Amino acid sequence: MSDSTRKLIGTVLLLIFVFVYAMIVINIGPVLLVEGTPWWAQLAFYAIGGLAWTIPAAMLIKWMAQGRVF
C-alpha cells in the first residue's frame, strides 16, 4: 500500500473514530454523572474521557507512518 493511500485511509478513520468516540463520551457522561455527583468525579470522568482517545489514535498514526524514516 502506498504512503498516500495509507494516509488517506488513516485520516478518514481517525476523523470517524474521534467523532464517534466524542458522541459516546458525551452521551455516557450524563447517565453516569447524575445530579449531585461531586465536582471532582465529573472532572475525573471528563479528563479521562477526553484523553483516552489518544491511545488508539496514536496506534493509527503509527500505522499511517509505517515504513517511513523520520
N, C-alpha and C. Protein backbone atom coordinates (compact mmCIF):
# COMPACT_ATOMS: atom_id res chain seq x y z
N MET A 1 0.86 -1.17 0.00
CA MET A 1 0.00 0.00 0.00
C MET A 1 0.91 1.24 0.00
N SER A 2 0.58 2.19 -0.82
CA SER A 2 1.40 3.39 -0.91
C SER A 2 1.18 4.29 0.30
N ASP A 3 2.15 5.19 0.52
CA ASP A 3 2.05 6.11 1.66
C ASP A 3 0.82 6.99 1.58
N SER A 4 0.54 7.50 0.39
CA SER A 4 -0.61 8.42 0.27
C SER A 4 -1.93 7.70 0.51
N THR A 5 -2.04 6.46 0.08
CA THR A 5 -3.27 5.69 0.34
C THR A 5 -3.43 5.42 1.83
N ARG A 6 -2.32 5.04 2.47
CA ARG A 6 -2.35 4.77 3.91
C ARG A 6 -2.74 6.02 4.69
N LYS A 7 -2.20 7.17 4.29
CA LYS A 7 -2.53 8.43 4.95
C LYS A 7 -4.00 8.79 4.76
N LEU A 8 -4.51 8.60 3.57
CA LEU A 8 -5.92 8.91 3.30
C LEU A 8 -6.83 8.03 4.14
N ILE A 9 -6.58 6.73 4.12
CA ILE A 9 -7.40 5.80 4.91
C ILE A 9 -7.30 6.14 6.39
N GLY A 10 -6.09 6.38 6.88
CA GLY A 10 -5.88 6.71 8.28
C GLY A 10 -6.56 8.00 8.69
N THR A 11 -6.52 9.00 7.82
CA THR A 11 -7.16 10.28 8.14
C THR A 11 -8.67 10.13 8.24
N VAL A 12 -9.26 9.41 7.30
CA VAL A 12 -10.71 9.20 7.33
C VAL A 12 -11.10 8.40 8.57
N LEU A 13 -10.35 7.33 8.85
CA LEU A 13 -10.65 6.53 10.04
C LEU A 13 -10.48 7.33 11.32
N LEU A 14 -9.47 8.17 11.37
CA LEU A 14 -9.24 8.99 12.57
C LEU A 14 -10.37 9.99 12.78
N LEU A 15 -10.82 10.62 11.73
CA LEU A 15 -11.94 11.57 11.86
C LEU A 15 -13.22 10.87 12.31
N ILE A 16 -13.50 9.71 11.72
CA ILE A 16 -14.70 8.95 12.11
C ILE A 16 -14.57 8.50 13.57
N PHE A 17 -13.40 7.97 13.94
CA PHE A 17 -13.19 7.49 15.29
C PHE A 17 -13.37 8.59 16.33
N VAL A 18 -12.76 9.75 16.09
CA VAL A 18 -12.84 10.84 17.06
C VAL A 18 -14.29 11.32 17.21
N PHE A 19 -15.01 11.42 16.10
CA PHE A 19 -16.41 11.85 16.17
C PHE A 19 -17.26 10.84 16.95
N VAL A 20 -17.13 9.57 16.63
CA VAL A 20 -17.93 8.53 17.31
C VAL A 20 -17.54 8.46 18.79
N TYR A 21 -16.25 8.53 19.08
CA TYR A 21 -15.79 8.48 20.47
C TYR A 21 -16.36 9.65 21.26
N ALA A 22 -16.30 10.85 20.69
CA ALA A 22 -16.83 12.02 21.38
C ALA A 22 -18.33 11.88 21.65
N MET A 23 -19.07 11.38 20.69
CA MET A 23 -20.51 11.19 20.88
C MET A 23 -20.79 10.17 21.98
N ILE A 24 -20.00 9.14 22.05
CA ILE A 24 -20.19 8.13 23.10
C ILE A 24 -19.92 8.72 24.48
N VAL A 25 -18.80 9.44 24.62
CA VAL A 25 -18.45 10.03 25.92
C VAL A 25 -19.48 11.08 26.33
N ILE A 26 -19.91 11.89 25.38
CA ILE A 26 -20.90 12.93 25.68
C ILE A 26 -22.22 12.32 26.14
N ASN A 27 -22.60 11.18 25.58
CA ASN A 27 -23.87 10.55 25.95
C ASN A 27 -23.76 9.69 27.21
N ILE A 28 -22.59 9.16 27.50
CA ILE A 28 -22.42 8.35 28.71
C ILE A 28 -22.29 9.24 29.94
N GLY A 29 -21.68 10.42 29.78
CA GLY A 29 -21.46 11.32 30.91
C GLY A 29 -22.69 11.61 31.74
N PRO A 30 -23.75 12.12 31.14
CA PRO A 30 -24.94 12.43 31.94
C PRO A 30 -25.61 11.20 32.58
N VAL A 31 -25.42 10.03 31.99
CA VAL A 31 -26.01 8.82 32.57
C VAL A 31 -25.24 8.41 33.83
N LEU A 32 -23.92 8.46 33.76
CA LEU A 32 -23.10 8.06 34.91
C LEU A 32 -23.01 9.15 35.97
N LEU A 33 -23.00 10.39 35.53
CA LEU A 33 -22.82 11.51 36.46
C LEU A 33 -24.16 12.17 36.73
N VAL A 34 -24.94 11.53 37.56
CA VAL A 34 -26.27 12.05 37.91
C VAL A 34 -26.12 13.31 38.74
N GLU A 35 -27.21 14.03 38.89
CA GLU A 35 -27.18 15.27 39.67
C GLU A 35 -26.72 14.97 41.09
N GLY A 36 -25.82 15.79 41.57
CA GLY A 36 -25.28 15.60 42.91
C GLY A 36 -23.94 14.90 42.92
N THR A 37 -23.45 14.50 41.76
CA THR A 37 -22.12 13.90 41.69
C THR A 37 -21.09 14.97 42.02
N PRO A 38 -20.12 14.64 42.86
CA PRO A 38 -19.11 15.64 43.24
C PRO A 38 -18.37 16.18 42.02
N TRP A 39 -17.92 17.42 42.12
CA TRP A 39 -17.24 18.07 41.01
C TRP A 39 -15.97 17.34 40.61
N TRP A 40 -15.29 16.75 41.61
CA TRP A 40 -14.03 16.07 41.31
C TRP A 40 -14.27 14.79 40.51
N ALA A 41 -15.42 14.14 40.72
CA ALA A 41 -15.74 12.93 39.96
C ALA A 41 -16.07 13.31 38.52
N GLN A 42 -16.77 14.42 38.34
CA GLN A 42 -17.06 14.89 36.99
C GLN A 42 -15.78 15.27 36.27
N LEU A 43 -14.91 15.98 36.98
CA LEU A 43 -13.63 16.38 36.39
C LEU A 43 -12.82 15.16 35.98
N ALA A 44 -12.76 14.16 36.85
CA ALA A 44 -12.01 12.94 36.55
C ALA A 44 -12.59 12.22 35.34
N PHE A 45 -13.92 12.11 35.28
CA PHE A 45 -14.56 11.42 34.16
C PHE A 45 -14.24 12.10 32.84
N TYR A 46 -14.44 13.41 32.78
CA TYR A 46 -14.23 14.11 31.52
C TYR A 46 -12.74 14.25 31.18
N ALA A 47 -11.86 14.28 32.18
CA ALA A 47 -10.43 14.31 31.90
C ALA A 47 -9.97 12.98 31.30
N ILE A 48 -10.40 11.89 31.92
CA ILE A 48 -10.03 10.57 31.40
C ILE A 48 -10.70 10.33 30.05
N GLY A 49 -11.97 10.67 29.96
CA GLY A 49 -12.68 10.51 28.68
C GLY A 49 -12.12 11.39 27.58
N GLY A 50 -11.63 12.55 27.96
CA GLY A 50 -11.08 13.46 26.97
C GLY A 50 -9.69 13.08 26.49
N LEU A 51 -8.98 12.30 27.27
CA LEU A 51 -7.63 11.90 26.89
C LEU A 51 -7.51 10.46 26.41
N ALA A 52 -8.49 9.63 26.70
CA ALA A 52 -8.39 8.20 26.38
C ALA A 52 -8.36 7.92 24.87
N TRP A 53 -8.90 8.83 24.07
CA TRP A 53 -8.90 8.61 22.62
C TRP A 53 -7.50 8.67 22.03
N THR A 54 -6.54 9.25 22.76
CA THR A 54 -5.21 9.42 22.20
C THR A 54 -4.47 8.11 22.01
N ILE A 55 -4.77 7.10 22.80
CA ILE A 55 -4.08 5.81 22.69
C ILE A 55 -4.41 5.13 21.37
N PRO A 56 -5.70 4.91 21.03
CA PRO A 56 -5.98 4.31 19.72
C PRO A 56 -5.58 5.23 18.56
N ALA A 57 -5.68 6.54 18.76
CA ALA A 57 -5.28 7.47 17.70
C ALA A 57 -3.78 7.37 17.45
N ALA A 58 -3.00 7.22 18.49
CA ALA A 58 -1.55 7.08 18.33
C ALA A 58 -1.20 5.81 17.57
N MET A 59 -1.92 4.73 17.86
CA MET A 59 -1.67 3.48 17.12
C MET A 59 -2.01 3.65 15.64
N LEU A 60 -3.09 4.36 15.36
CA LEU A 60 -3.48 4.60 13.97
C LEU A 60 -2.45 5.49 13.26
N ILE A 61 -1.98 6.50 13.95
CA ILE A 61 -0.98 7.39 13.35
C ILE A 61 0.33 6.63 13.13
N LYS A 62 0.68 5.75 14.04
CA LYS A 62 1.87 4.92 13.87
C LYS A 62 1.73 4.05 12.63
N TRP A 63 0.55 3.49 12.42
CA TRP A 63 0.29 2.69 11.22
C TRP A 63 0.40 3.55 9.96
N MET A 64 -0.11 4.77 10.04
CA MET A 64 -0.06 5.67 8.88
C MET A 64 1.40 6.01 8.51
N ALA A 65 2.27 6.10 9.50
CA ALA A 65 3.67 6.46 9.26
C ALA A 65 4.56 5.25 9.02
N GLN A 66 3.99 4.08 8.97
CA GLN A 66 4.73 2.85 8.81
C GLN A 66 5.61 2.87 7.55
N GLY A 67 6.84 2.46 7.72
CA GLY A 67 7.73 2.35 6.57
C GLY A 67 8.47 3.63 6.24
N ARG A 68 8.21 4.70 6.97
CA ARG A 68 8.90 5.96 6.68
C ARG A 68 10.00 6.16 7.71
N VAL A 69 11.04 6.83 7.31
CA VAL A 69 12.14 7.16 8.22
C VAL A 69 12.01 8.63 8.59
N PHE A 70 11.98 8.92 9.89
CA PHE A 70 11.83 10.30 10.34
C PHE A 70 13.18 10.92 10.59
